[in-house]
Amino acid sequence: MENIALLDTTGIVFMGAYLVSLILIGVVGRLARKEDSLADFYLSGRGMGLFVLFLTLYATQYSGNTLIGMAGKSYRQGYAFLVSVTFMMSVIGAYLIYAPKLHRLSKKNKFITVGDYIEHRYRSPILTIFITIVCIITVGSYILTNLKAIGYIVEATTGGRVTFVQGIIALSLIMVIYETLGGMRSVAWTDAIQGILLIA
């Protein structure tokens, strides 16, 4: 049975232009860097702005993992899956409770990573390494599920002309390029655009 593309040629051209624009945002993010420091690269110079911060958190929380994975899981589980709404709301609650205090501590002590906070709080290199490994594993699994969603979306939208693996490789390269160029600033700006598209 032949796969039917979800996008026609115009849609695929538009998607291609959008992907190229992500790289251009990376270039602009690189030009906007105020200093060549870890804080500027990883934290956008600690000056992202509330609107962009909201959209980047929104786009991160409701990503391909949510739209593809959770949609399928809710279909399989039915009403029982509504309990996941509690989980999603608890993440927002955790942001509101912990983020302001951690932000103040981070600015005061110039933290860049979670490991910096753990090292400052507990003075234990072993605990810091352990927490860093846990973060790498959890974020790594989150990234892998999103890459899988990317592969399915690209394959479906192109009707199989771009395969699952090709879609993952191509979009991973684009993400690596714009993230390497502009750091968190580029990530936040692209997330803001994607957040607006998700809301629309």
N, C-alpha and C. Protein backbone atom coordinates (compact mmCIF):
# COMPACT_ATOMS: atom_id res chain seq x y z
N MET A 1 0.84 -1.19 0.00
CA MET A 1 0.00 0.00 0.00
C MET A 1 0.88 1.25 0.00
N GLU A 2 0.57 2.17 -0.88
CA GLU A 2 1.40 3.37 -1.02
C GLU A 2 1.08 4.38 0.08
N ASN A 3 2.14 4.97 0.64
CA ASN A 3 1.95 6.00 1.66
C ASN A 3 1.50 7.29 1.01
N ILE A 4 0.50 7.93 1.59
CA ILE A 4 0.00 9.21 1.06
C ILE A 4 0.61 10.32 1.90
N ALA A 5 1.24 11.28 1.22
CA ALA A 5 1.88 12.40 1.92
C ALA A 5 0.82 13.29 2.55
N LEU A 6 1.05 13.71 3.78
CA LEU A 6 0.13 14.62 4.45
C LEU A 6 0.28 16.05 3.95
N LEU A 7 1.44 16.35 3.36
CA LEU A 7 1.68 17.68 2.80
C LEU A 7 1.89 17.57 1.30
N ASP A 8 1.34 18.52 0.55
CA ASP A 8 1.62 18.57 -0.88
C ASP A 8 2.97 19.26 -1.08
N THR A 9 3.33 19.49 -2.34
CA THR A 9 4.64 20.08 -2.64
C THR A 9 4.80 21.44 -1.98
N THR A 10 3.75 22.26 -2.00
CA THR A 10 3.81 23.59 -1.38
C THR A 10 4.08 23.47 0.12
N GLY A 11 3.40 22.53 0.77
CA GLY A 11 3.60 22.33 2.19
C GLY A 11 5.01 21.88 2.53
N ILE A 12 5.56 21.00 1.69
CA ILE A 12 6.93 20.52 1.93
C ILE A 12 7.93 21.65 1.72
N VAL A 13 7.69 22.49 0.69
CA VAL A 13 8.57 23.66 0.47
C VAL A 13 8.50 24.59 1.67
N PHE A 14 7.30 24.82 2.20
CA PHE A 14 7.12 25.67 3.37
C PHE A 14 7.86 25.09 4.57
N MET A 15 7.76 23.76 4.75
CA MET A 15 8.45 23.11 5.86
C MET A 15 9.96 23.24 5.70
N GLY A 16 10.45 23.09 4.46
CA GLY A 16 11.88 23.25 4.19
C GLY A 16 12.35 24.66 4.51
N ALA A 17 11.53 25.66 4.11
CA ALA A 17 11.88 27.06 4.39
C ALA A 17 11.91 27.31 5.89
N TYR A 18 10.98 26.70 6.61
CA TYR A 18 10.94 26.84 8.06
C TYR A 18 12.21 26.27 8.69
N LEU A 19 12.65 25.11 8.21
CA LEU A 19 13.85 24.48 8.75
C LEU A 19 15.10 25.32 8.46
N VAL A 20 15.15 25.92 7.27
CA VAL A 20 16.27 26.82 6.94
C VAL A 20 16.23 28.04 7.86
N SER A 21 15.02 28.53 8.17
CA SER A 21 14.90 29.70 9.05
C SER A 21 15.44 29.41 10.45
N LEU A 22 15.37 28.14 10.88
CA LEU A 22 15.92 27.78 12.19
C LEU A 22 17.43 27.99 12.21
N ILE A 23 18.09 27.63 11.11
CA ILE A 23 19.55 27.85 11.02
C ILE A 23 19.85 29.35 11.01
N LEU A 24 19.03 30.12 10.31
CA LEU A 24 19.22 31.58 10.28
C LEU A 24 19.05 32.17 11.68
N ILE A 25 18.11 31.63 12.45
CA ILE A 25 17.94 32.08 13.84
C ILE A 25 19.20 31.76 14.64
N GLY A 26 19.81 30.61 14.36
CA GLY A 26 21.07 30.26 15.00
C GLY A 26 22.16 31.28 14.70
N VAL A 27 22.22 31.72 13.45
CA VAL A 27 23.21 32.74 13.05
C VAL A 27 22.94 34.05 13.78
N VAL A 28 21.66 34.46 13.82
CA VAL A 28 21.29 35.70 14.51
C VAL A 28 21.61 35.58 16.00
N GLY A 29 21.34 34.41 16.58
CA GLY A 29 21.67 34.17 17.99
C GLY A 29 23.16 34.30 18.25
N ARG A 30 23.95 33.82 17.30
CA ARG A 30 25.42 33.95 17.42
C ARG A 30 25.83 35.42 17.39
N LEU A 31 25.25 36.18 16.48
CA LEU A 31 25.58 37.60 16.35
C LEU A 31 25.12 38.40 17.57
N ALA A 32 24.06 37.91 18.24
CA ALA A 32 23.50 38.64 19.39
C ALA A 32 24.24 38.36 20.69
N ARG A 33 25.18 37.41 20.66
CA ARG A 33 25.91 37.10 21.90
C ARG A 33 26.72 38.30 22.35
N LYS A 34 26.55 38.64 23.63
CA LYS A 34 27.21 39.83 24.17
C LYS A 34 28.64 39.53 24.62
N GLU A 35 28.88 38.29 25.01
CA GLU A 35 30.22 37.91 25.48
C GLU A 35 30.45 36.44 25.17
N ASP A 36 31.70 36.04 25.12
CA ASP A 36 32.04 34.65 24.83
C ASP A 36 32.23 33.91 26.15
N SER A 37 31.10 33.61 26.81
CA SER A 37 31.17 32.97 28.12
C SER A 37 30.17 31.81 28.18
N LEU A 38 30.38 30.92 29.15
CA LEU A 38 29.46 29.80 29.33
C LEU A 38 28.06 30.29 29.70
N ALA A 39 27.99 31.32 30.55
CA ALA A 39 26.69 31.86 30.97
C ALA A 39 25.92 32.41 29.78
N ASP A 40 26.62 33.08 28.87
CA ASP A 40 25.94 33.63 27.69
C ASP A 40 25.47 32.51 26.77
N PHE A 41 26.30 31.48 26.60
CA PHE A 41 25.96 30.38 25.70
C PHE A 41 24.84 29.52 26.26
N TYR A 42 24.97 29.10 27.52
CA TYR A 42 24.01 28.16 28.10
C TYR A 42 22.78 28.81 28.72
N LEU A 43 22.88 30.07 29.11
CA LEU A 43 21.77 30.73 29.80
C LEU A 43 21.28 31.98 29.08
N SER A 44 21.71 32.17 27.84
CA SER A 44 21.29 33.33 27.06
C SER A 44 21.63 34.63 27.79
N GLY A 45 22.78 34.64 28.45
CA GLY A 45 23.20 35.84 29.18
C GLY A 45 22.31 36.18 30.35
N ARG A 46 21.52 35.19 30.81
CA ARG A 46 20.56 35.36 31.93
C ARG A 46 19.54 36.46 31.65
N GLY A 47 19.26 36.72 30.39
CA GLY A 47 18.30 37.78 30.08
C GLY A 47 17.37 37.42 28.94
N MET A 48 16.57 36.38 29.14
CA MET A 48 15.72 35.87 28.07
C MET A 48 14.42 36.66 27.91
N GLY A 49 13.90 37.19 28.96
CA GLY A 49 12.61 37.88 28.91
C GLY A 49 11.48 36.91 29.22
N LEU A 50 10.46 37.41 29.90
CA LEU A 50 9.37 36.56 30.40
C LEU A 50 8.59 35.89 29.27
N PHE A 51 8.29 36.64 28.20
CA PHE A 51 7.49 36.11 27.10
C PHE A 51 8.21 34.95 26.41
N VAL A 52 9.49 35.15 26.08
CA VAL A 52 10.28 34.09 25.42
C VAL A 52 10.46 32.91 26.37
N LEU A 53 10.69 33.19 27.65
CA LEU A 53 10.85 32.13 28.65
C LEU A 53 9.58 31.28 28.73
N PHE A 54 8.42 31.93 28.77
CA PHE A 54 7.15 31.21 28.82
C PHE A 54 7.00 30.30 27.60
N LEU A 55 7.27 30.85 26.41
CA LEU A 55 7.09 30.07 25.19
C LEU A 55 8.10 28.93 25.08
N THR A 56 9.33 29.15 25.53
CA THR A 56 10.31 28.06 25.46
C THR A 56 9.96 26.94 26.44
N LEU A 57 9.45 27.29 27.62
CA LEU A 57 9.00 26.26 28.56
C LEU A 57 7.78 25.53 28.01
N TYR A 58 6.88 26.27 27.37
CA TYR A 58 5.68 25.68 26.79
C TYR A 58 6.04 24.71 25.67
N ALA A 59 6.92 25.15 24.75
CA ALA A 59 7.31 24.31 23.62
C ALA A 59 8.09 23.08 24.08
N THR A 60 8.85 23.23 25.16
CA THR A 60 9.60 22.10 25.70
C THR A 60 8.67 21.10 26.37
N GLN A 61 7.72 21.61 27.14
CA GLN A 61 6.78 20.74 27.85
C GLN A 61 5.85 20.01 26.87
N TYR A 62 5.35 20.72 25.87
CA TYR A 62 4.40 20.13 24.92
C TYR A 62 5.08 19.96 23.57
N SER A 63 5.93 18.94 23.49
CA SER A 63 6.76 18.71 22.32
C SER A 63 6.20 17.53 21.52
N GLY A 64 7.02 17.02 20.61
CA GLY A 64 6.62 15.85 19.82
C GLY A 64 6.29 14.66 20.70
N ASN A 65 6.99 14.54 21.81
CA ASN A 65 6.73 13.48 22.77
C ASN A 65 5.28 13.55 23.26
N THR A 66 4.82 14.75 23.55
CA THR A 66 3.46 14.94 24.04
C THR A 66 2.44 14.76 22.93
N LEU A 67 2.69 15.41 21.78
CA LEU A 67 1.70 15.40 20.70
C LEU A 67 1.55 14.04 20.04
N ILE A 68 2.66 13.32 19.87
CA ILE A 68 2.60 12.02 19.21
C ILE A 68 2.46 10.89 20.23
N GLY A 69 3.38 10.83 21.19
CA GLY A 69 3.39 9.73 22.16
C GLY A 69 2.17 9.70 23.05
N MET A 70 1.84 10.83 23.64
CA MET A 70 0.73 10.86 24.60
C MET A 70 -0.62 10.73 23.89
N ALA A 71 -0.71 11.22 22.66
CA ALA A 71 -1.97 11.07 21.92
C ALA A 71 -2.25 9.59 21.68
N GLY A 72 -1.22 8.85 21.26
CA GLY A 72 -1.39 7.42 21.03
C GLY A 72 -1.69 6.66 22.31
N LYS A 73 -0.99 7.04 23.37
CA LYS A 73 -1.19 6.36 24.66
C LYS A 73 -2.60 6.63 25.20
N SER A 74 -3.08 7.86 25.04
CA SER A 74 -4.43 8.17 25.53
C SER A 74 -5.48 7.41 24.72
N TYR A 75 -5.21 7.21 23.42
CA TYR A 75 -6.14 6.43 22.59
C TYR A 75 -6.20 4.98 23.09
N ARG A 76 -5.03 4.41 23.42
CA ARG A 76 -4.98 3.02 23.88
C ARG A 76 -5.59 2.85 25.27
N GLN A 77 -5.35 3.82 26.17
CA GLN A 77 -5.79 3.67 27.56
C GLN A 77 -7.17 4.25 27.84
N GLY A 78 -7.63 5.14 27.00
CA GLY A 78 -8.94 5.73 27.20
C GLY A 78 -8.97 6.73 28.35
N TYR A 79 -10.10 6.78 29.06
CA TYR A 79 -10.29 7.78 30.11
C TYR A 79 -9.27 7.67 31.24
N ALA A 80 -8.71 6.49 31.44
CA ALA A 80 -7.73 6.31 32.52
C ALA A 80 -6.52 7.21 32.32
N PHE A 81 -6.26 7.59 31.06
CA PHE A 81 -5.08 8.41 30.78
C PHE A 81 -5.26 9.86 31.25
N LEU A 82 -6.48 10.24 31.61
CA LEU A 82 -6.71 11.61 32.11
C LEU A 82 -5.88 11.91 33.35
N VAL A 83 -5.44 10.87 34.05
CA VAL A 83 -4.61 11.08 35.23
C VAL A 83 -3.30 11.77 34.85
N SER A 84 -2.88 11.65 33.59
CA SER A 84 -1.63 12.30 33.16
C SER A 84 -1.74 13.82 33.20
N VAL A 85 -2.96 14.34 33.14
CA VAL A 85 -3.15 15.79 33.24
C VAL A 85 -2.62 16.28 34.59
N THR A 86 -2.83 15.48 35.63
CA THR A 86 -2.31 15.82 36.95
C THR A 86 -0.79 15.94 36.92
N PHE A 87 -0.14 15.01 36.22
CA PHE A 87 1.32 15.05 36.10
C PHE A 87 1.75 16.33 35.39
N MET A 88 1.10 16.65 34.27
CA MET A 88 1.49 17.85 33.52
C MET A 88 1.29 19.12 34.34
N MET A 89 0.20 19.17 35.08
CA MET A 89 -0.06 20.34 35.93
C MET A 89 0.95 20.41 37.08
N SER A 90 1.38 19.26 37.58
CA SER A 90 2.35 19.27 38.68
C SER A 90 3.70 19.82 38.22
N VAL A 91 4.05 19.61 36.95
CA VAL A 91 5.29 20.18 36.42
C VAL A 91 5.21 21.70 36.45
N ILE A 92 4.07 22.24 36.03
CA ILE A 92 3.87 23.70 36.05
C ILE A 92 3.91 24.20 37.50
N GLY A 93 3.28 23.46 38.41
CA GLY A 93 3.32 23.83 39.83
C GLY A 93 4.74 23.86 40.36
N ALA A 94 5.54 22.86 39.97
CA ALA A 94 6.94 22.82 40.41
C ALA A 94 7.72 24.02 39.89
N TYR A 95 7.45 24.40 38.62
CA TYR A 95 8.08 25.61 38.07
C TYR A 95 7.77 26.81 38.96
N LEU A 96 6.49 26.98 39.28
CA LEU A 96 6.06 28.17 40.02
C LEU A 96 6.61 28.19 41.45
N ILE A 97 6.75 27.01 42.06
CA ILE A 97 7.23 26.95 43.44
C ILE A 97 8.75 27.11 43.52
N TYR A 98 9.47 26.35 42.69
CA TYR A 98 10.93 26.29 42.83
C TYR A 98 11.71 27.26 41.95
N ALA A 99 11.19 27.56 40.78
CA ALA A 99 11.96 28.38 39.82
C ALA A 99 12.36 29.75 40.36
N PRO A 100 11.46 30.52 41.00
CA PRO A 100 11.88 31.85 41.46
C PRO A 100 13.06 31.81 42.45
N LYS A 101 13.00 30.88 43.41
CA LYS A 101 14.08 30.79 44.40
C LYS A 101 15.38 30.31 43.74
N LEU A 102 15.27 29.30 42.88
CA LEU A 102 16.47 28.80 42.18
C LEU A 102 17.06 29.86 41.27
N HIS A 103 16.19 30.67 40.67
CA HIS A 103 16.68 31.76 39.81
C HIS A 103 17.50 32.77 40.61
N ARG A 104 16.98 33.13 41.79
CA ARG A 104 17.72 34.07 42.64
C ARG A 104 19.06 33.49 43.08
N LEU A 105 19.05 32.22 43.51
CA LEU A 105 20.30 31.56 43.92
C LEU A 105 21.28 31.47 42.75
N SER A 106 20.75 31.16 41.59
CA SER A 106 21.59 31.03 40.40
C SER A 106 22.26 32.34 40.03
N LYS A 107 21.51 33.43 40.10
CA LYS A 107 22.10 34.75 39.78
C LYS A 107 23.15 35.14 40.82
N LYS A 108 22.83 34.89 42.09
CA LYS A 108 23.73 35.27 43.17
C LYS A 108 25.05 34.49 43.11
N ASN A 109 24.95 33.17 42.86
CA ASN A 109 26.13 32.31 42.90
C ASN A 109 26.67 31.95 41.52
N LYS A 110 26.05 32.51 40.48
CA LYS A 110 26.49 32.29 39.09
C LYS A 110 26.47 30.81 38.70
N PHE A 111 25.39 30.10 39.07
CA PHE A 111 25.23 28.71 38.66
C PHE A 111 24.91 28.67 37.17
N ILE A 112 25.39 27.63 36.51
CA ILE A 112 25.06 27.42 35.10
C ILE A 112 24.32 26.10 34.93
N THR A 113 24.73 25.08 35.66
CA THR A 113 24.11 23.76 35.53
C THR A 113 23.49 23.32 36.85
N VAL A 114 22.71 22.25 36.77
CA VAL A 114 22.14 21.64 37.98
C VAL A 114 23.28 21.18 38.89
N GLY A 115 24.34 20.65 38.29
CA GLY A 115 25.50 20.20 39.05
C GLY A 115 26.13 21.31 39.87
N ASP A 116 26.14 22.54 39.34
CA ASP A 116 26.68 23.68 40.08
C ASP A 116 25.90 23.90 41.38
N TYR A 117 24.56 23.81 41.29
CA TYR A 117 23.73 23.99 42.48
C TYR A 117 23.97 22.87 43.49
N ILE A 118 24.01 21.62 43.02
CA ILE A 118 24.22 20.47 43.91
C ILE A 118 25.57 20.58 44.61
N GLU A 119 26.60 20.96 43.86
CA GLU A 119 27.94 21.11 44.44
C GLU A 119 27.95 22.20 45.51
N HIS A 120 27.27 23.32 45.23
CA HIS A 120 27.20 24.44 46.18
C HIS A 120 26.42 24.04 47.44
N ARG A 121 25.31 23.33 47.24
CA ARG A 121 24.41 23.00 48.35
C ARG A 121 24.96 21.89 49.25
N TYR A 122 25.53 20.84 48.64
CA TYR A 122 25.91 19.66 49.42
C TYR A 122 27.42 19.45 49.54
N ARG A 123 28.21 20.20 48.78
CA ARG A 123 29.68 20.10 48.84
C ARG A 123 30.16 18.65 48.66
N SER A 124 29.53 17.95 47.74
CA SER A 124 29.87 16.54 47.52
C SER A 124 30.11 16.28 46.03
N PRO A 125 31.37 16.12 45.63
CA PRO A 125 31.66 15.83 44.22
C PRO A 125 31.00 14.53 43.73
N ILE A 126 30.91 13.53 44.61
CA ILE A 126 30.30 12.25 44.22
C ILE A 126 28.81 12.44 43.92
N LEU A 127 28.11 13.17 44.80
CA LEU A 127 26.69 13.44 44.58
C LEU A 127 26.50 14.27 43.31
N THR A 128 27.38 15.24 43.09
CA THR A 128 27.30 16.07 41.89
C THR A 128 27.43 15.22 40.63
N ILE A 129 28.39 14.31 40.62
CA ILE A 129 28.58 13.42 39.46
C ILE A 129 27.36 12.52 39.28
N PHE A 130 26.84 11.99 40.39
CA PHE A 130 25.66 11.12 40.33
C PHE A 130 24.46 11.87 39.74
N ILE A 131 24.19 13.07 40.25
CA ILE A 131 23.07 13.87 39.76
C ILE A 131 23.26 14.23 38.29
N THR A 132 24.49 14.54 37.90
CA THR A 132 24.78 14.86 36.50
C THR A 132 24.48 13.67 35.60
N ILE A 133 24.87 12.47 36.04
CA ILE A 133 24.59 11.25 35.26
C ILE A 133 23.09 11.01 35.16
N VAL A 134 22.37 11.19 36.27
CA VAL A 134 20.91 11.03 36.26
C VAL A 134 20.28 12.02 35.28
N CYS A 135 20.75 13.27 35.29
CA CYS A 135 20.23 14.29 34.37
C CYS A 135 20.49 13.91 32.92
N ILE A 136 21.69 13.41 32.63
CA ILE A 136 22.03 13.00 31.26
C ILE A 136 21.12 11.87 30.80
N ILE A 137 20.86 10.90 31.68
CA ILE A 137 20.00 9.77 31.32
C ILE A 137 18.57 10.23 31.08
N THR A 138 18.03 11.05 31.99
CA THR A 138 16.63 11.47 31.85
C THR A 138 16.44 12.40 30.66
N VAL A 139 17.34 13.36 30.49
CA VAL A 139 17.22 14.27 29.34
C VAL A 139 17.48 13.51 28.05
N GLY A 140 18.43 12.56 28.10
CA GLY A 140 18.71 11.74 26.92
C GLY A 140 17.50 10.95 26.47
N SER A 141 16.77 10.35 27.42
CA SER A 141 15.57 9.58 27.05
C SER A 141 14.48 10.50 26.51
N TYR A 142 14.37 11.71 27.07
CA TYR A 142 13.40 12.70 26.57
C TYR A 142 13.74 13.09 25.13
N ILE A 143 15.03 13.32 24.87
CA ILE A 143 15.47 13.69 23.52
C ILE A 143 15.19 12.55 22.55
N LEU A 144 15.47 11.31 22.96
CA LEU A 144 15.25 10.16 22.08
C LEU A 144 13.78 10.00 21.70
N THR A 145 12.87 10.20 22.67
CA THR A 145 11.45 10.08 22.34
C THR A 145 11.02 11.18 21.37
N ASN A 146 11.60 12.37 21.52
CA ASN A 146 11.28 13.46 20.60
C ASN A 146 11.86 13.22 19.21
N LEU A 147 13.06 12.63 19.15
CA LEU A 147 13.64 12.29 17.84
C LEU A 147 12.79 11.25 17.13
N LYS A 148 12.27 10.30 17.90
CA LYS A 148 11.39 9.29 17.32
C LYS A 148 10.13 9.95 16.76
N ALA A 149 9.57 10.89 17.51
CA ALA A 149 8.39 11.62 17.02
C ALA A 149 8.71 12.39 15.74
N ILE A 150 9.90 13.02 15.71
CA ILE A 150 10.34 13.74 14.51
C ILE A 150 10.37 12.80 13.30
N GLY A 151 10.95 11.62 13.49
CA GLY A 151 11.03 10.65 12.39
C GLY A 151 9.67 10.27 11.86
N TYR A 152 8.72 10.00 12.76
CA TYR A 152 7.36 9.64 12.33
C TYR A 152 6.68 10.79 11.60
N ILE A 153 6.84 12.00 12.14
CA ILE A 153 6.18 13.16 11.53
C ILE A 153 6.72 13.43 10.13
N VAL A 154 8.05 13.41 9.99
CA VAL A 154 8.66 13.67 8.67
C VAL A 154 8.25 12.59 7.67
N GLU A 155 8.29 11.35 8.10
CA GLU A 155 7.91 10.25 7.19
C GLU A 155 6.45 10.38 6.76
N ALA A 156 5.57 10.72 7.71
CA ALA A 156 4.14 10.84 7.39
C ALA A 156 3.86 12.04 6.49
N THR A 157 4.50 13.18 6.79
CA THR A 157 4.22 14.39 6.00
C THR A 157 4.75 14.30 4.58
N THR A 158 5.82 13.53 4.38
CA THR A 158 6.40 13.40 3.03
C THR A 158 5.92 12.14 2.32
N GLY A 159 5.06 11.36 2.95
CA GLY A 159 4.58 10.13 2.33
C GLY A 159 5.66 9.09 2.14
N GLY A 160 6.68 9.13 2.99
CA GLY A 160 7.75 8.15 2.92
C GLY A 160 8.89 8.53 1.99
N ARG A 161 8.77 9.67 1.29
CA ARG A 161 9.87 10.11 0.42
C ARG A 161 11.11 10.41 1.25
N VAL A 162 10.89 10.93 2.46
CA VAL A 162 11.98 11.05 3.44
C VAL A 162 11.68 10.00 4.50
N THR A 163 12.60 9.06 4.68
CA THR A 163 12.34 7.95 5.60
C THR A 163 12.45 8.40 7.06
N PHE A 164 12.01 7.53 7.94
CA PHE A 164 12.06 7.75 9.38
C PHE A 164 13.48 8.13 9.82
N VAL A 165 14.47 7.33 9.42
CA VAL A 165 15.86 7.56 9.83
C VAL A 165 16.41 8.83 9.19
N GLN A 166 16.12 9.06 7.91
CA GLN A 166 16.60 10.28 7.24
C GLN A 166 16.04 11.53 7.91
N GLY A 167 14.76 11.47 8.31
CA GLY A 167 14.14 12.61 8.99
C GLY A 167 14.82 12.92 10.31
N ILE A 168 15.11 11.86 11.07
CA ILE A 168 15.79 12.05 12.36
C ILE A 168 17.17 12.65 12.15
N ILE A 169 17.94 12.11 11.20
CA ILE A 169 19.30 12.59 10.96
C ILE A 169 19.28 14.04 10.49
N ALA A 170 18.42 14.36 9.51
CA ALA A 170 18.37 15.72 8.95
C ALA A 170 17.99 16.74 10.00
N LEU A 171 16.92 16.47 10.75
CA LEU A 171 16.48 17.44 11.74
C LEU A 171 17.42 17.52 12.93
N SER A 172 18.06 16.41 13.27
CA SER A 172 19.07 16.45 14.35
C SER A 172 20.23 17.35 13.95
N LEU A 173 20.67 17.25 12.69
CA LEU A 173 21.75 18.11 12.21
C LEU A 173 21.36 19.58 12.27
N ILE A 174 20.13 19.88 11.86
CA ILE A 174 19.66 21.27 11.90
C ILE A 174 19.67 21.78 13.34
N MET A 175 19.18 20.96 14.28
CA MET A 175 19.15 21.38 15.68
C MET A 175 20.56 21.58 16.23
N VAL A 176 21.47 20.67 15.90
CA VAL A 176 22.86 20.80 16.36
C VAL A 176 23.47 22.08 15.82
N ILE A 177 23.19 22.41 14.55
CA ILE A 177 23.76 23.61 13.93
C ILE A 177 23.28 24.87 14.65
N TYR A 178 21.95 25.03 14.80
CA TYR A 178 21.48 26.29 15.41
C TYR A 178 21.80 26.37 16.89
N GLU A 179 21.85 25.22 17.57
CA GLU A 179 22.21 25.25 18.99
C GLU A 179 23.69 25.56 19.17
N THR A 180 24.53 25.03 18.30
CA THR A 180 25.97 25.30 18.38
C THR A 180 26.26 26.75 18.05
N LEU A 181 25.55 27.30 17.08
CA LEU A 181 25.79 28.69 16.68
C LEU A 181 25.38 29.68 17.77
N GLY A 182 24.16 29.55 18.27
CA GLY A 182 23.63 30.58 19.16
C GLY A 182 23.40 30.19 20.59
N GLY A 183 23.63 28.91 20.94
CA GLY A 183 23.42 28.48 22.31
C GLY A 183 21.96 28.57 22.72
N MET A 184 21.74 28.81 24.01
CA MET A 184 20.39 28.85 24.56
C MET A 184 19.55 29.97 23.96
N ARG A 185 20.19 31.03 23.54
CA ARG A 185 19.46 32.14 22.93
C ARG A 185 18.72 31.65 21.67
N SER A 186 19.44 30.93 20.81
CA SER A 186 18.82 30.39 19.59
C SER A 186 17.75 29.36 19.92
N VAL A 187 18.03 28.52 20.91
CA VAL A 187 17.05 27.51 21.33
C VAL A 187 15.77 28.19 21.81
N ALA A 188 15.92 29.22 22.63
CA ALA A 188 14.76 29.93 23.17
C ALA A 188 13.97 30.61 22.06
N TRP A 189 14.67 31.25 21.12
CA TRP A 189 13.97 31.93 20.02
C TRP A 189 13.24 30.94 19.12
N THR A 190 13.89 29.81 18.79
CA THR A 190 13.20 28.81 17.96
C THR A 190 12.04 28.18 18.74
N ASP A 191 12.24 27.95 20.03
CA ASP A 191 11.14 27.43 20.86
C ASP A 191 9.98 28.41 20.92
N ALA A 192 10.29 29.70 20.97
CA ALA A 192 9.23 30.72 21.00
C ALA A 192 8.39 30.64 19.73
N ILE A 193 9.05 30.50 18.58
CA ILE A 193 8.33 30.38 17.31
C ILE A 193 7.49 29.10 17.32
N GLN A 194 8.09 28.00 17.76
CA GLN A 194 7.37 26.73 17.78
C GLN A 194 6.24 26.75 18.81
N GLY A 195 6.45 27.46 19.92
CA GLY A 195 5.39 27.62 20.91
C GLY A 195 4.19 28.36 20.34
N ILE A 196 4.46 29.41 19.56
CA ILE A 196 3.38 30.17 18.91
C ILE A 196 2.64 29.27 17.93
N LEU A 197 3.39 28.46 17.15
CA LEU A 197 2.76 27.55 16.20
C LEU A 197 1.91 26.50 16.92
N LEU A 198 2.38 26.02 18.07
CA LEU A 198 1.60 25.04 18.84
C LEU A 198 0.30 25.66 19.35
N ILE A 199 0.38 26.90 19.83
CA ILE A 199 -0.82 27.58 20.34
C ILE A 199 -1.80 27.85 19.21
N ALA A 200 -1.25 28.27 18.04
CA ALA A 200 -2.10 28.56 16.88
C ALA A 200 -2.71 27.28 16.35
